Amino acid sequence: MCNWVHLPDKKNALPSTCAKEGEPYCPEHSRLLAYIYTLDEDWKETEETHKAVCDELRGRVTKTHLSPKP
């Protein structure tokens, strides 16, 4: 049995599991999990890049038109 859990909704108040065969997940849910893990890795790379750019910009001392006057 596939271990994928369907969360409750308005029609069914109790959680249920996927009825398809699969160890531990059926092929459809295995593909979905692989996609989710890929998104997680992509997000980590994006977050690291964003932090690096922000840290680099914080190291520069620049004045802009929006900077408050001293």
Protein backbone atom coordinates (compact mmCIF):
# COMPACT_ATOMS: atom_id res chain seq x y z
CA MET A 1 0.00 0.00 0.00
CA CYS A 2 1.15 3.54 -0.78
CA ASN A 3 1.96 5.59 2.35
CA TRP A 4 0.72 8.88 0.84
CA VAL A 5 -1.81 10.52 3.17
CA HIS A 6 -4.68 12.58 1.83
CA LEU A 7 -5.57 15.30 4.30
CA PRO A 8 -9.18 15.76 5.40
CA ASP A 9 -11.47 18.00 3.40
CA LYS A 10 -15.07 19.23 3.68
CA LYS A 11 -16.52 15.93 2.41
CA ASN A 12 -14.28 13.62 4.44
CA ALA A 13 -13.38 14.63 7.99
CA LEU A 14 -10.78 11.86 8.45
CA PRO A 15 -7.40 11.56 6.74
CA SER A 16 -7.11 8.67 4.32
CA THR A 17 -4.24 6.90 2.57
CA CYS A 18 -3.70 6.29 -1.12
CA ALA A 19 -5.23 2.94 -2.11
CA LYS A 20 -2.68 2.21 -4.86
CA GLU A 21 0.08 -0.37 -4.52
CA GLY A 22 3.58 0.90 -3.93
CA GLU A 23 6.45 0.61 -1.48
CA PRO A 24 6.61 3.06 0.20
CA TYR A 25 4.78 5.23 -2.37
CA CYS A 26 2.97 4.48 -5.61
CA PRO A 27 4.69 5.65 -8.85
CA GLU A 28 2.50 8.77 -9.11
CA HIS A 29 3.29 9.93 -5.59
CA SER A 30 6.97 8.98 -5.96
CA ARG A 31 7.19 11.36 -8.94
CA LEU A 32 5.42 14.08 -6.95
CA LEU A 33 7.84 13.68 -4.02
CA ALA A 34 10.83 13.81 -6.39
CA TYR A 35 9.44 17.06 -7.85
CA ILE A 36 8.91 18.54 -4.37
CA TYR A 37 12.50 17.67 -3.35
CA THR A 38 13.78 19.30 -6.55
CA LEU A 39 11.87 22.49 -5.72
CA ASP A 40 13.36 22.45 -2.23
CA GLU A 41 16.91 22.18 -3.62
CA ASP A 42 16.21 24.94 -6.16
CA TRP A 43 14.89 27.16 -3.37
CA LYS A 44 18.00 26.57 -1.23
CA GLU A 45 20.23 27.62 -4.14
CA THR A 46 18.10 30.74 -4.76
CA GLU A 47 18.20 31.65 -1.07
CA GLU A 48 22.00 31.24 -0.88
CA THR A 49 22.46 33.43 -3.97
CA HIS A 50 20.14 36.08 -2.52
CA LYS A 51 22.03 36.12 0.79
CA ALA A 52 25.38 36.41 -1.00
CA VAL A 53 24.18 39.37 -3.08
CA CYS A 54 22.69 41.09 -0.01
CA ASP A 55 25.90 40.58 1.98
CA GLU A 56 27.94 41.99 -0.91
CA LEU A 57 25.70 45.06 -1.14
CA ARG A 58 25.89 45.64 2.63
CA GLY A 59 29.69 45.74 2.33
CA ARG A 60 29.54 48.68 -0.09
CA VAL A 61 29.11 52.21 1.15
CA THR A 62 26.97 54.03 -1.39
CA LYS A 63 24.70 57.02 -1.29
CA THR A 64 21.47 57.04 -3.23
CA HIS A 65 18.77 59.62 -3.69
CA LEU A 66 16.65 57.68 -1.22
CA SER A 67 19.27 57.72 1.52
CA PRO A 68 18.42 59.88 4.51
CA LYS A 69 20.47 63.02 4.89
CA PRO A 70 23.02 62.90 7.74
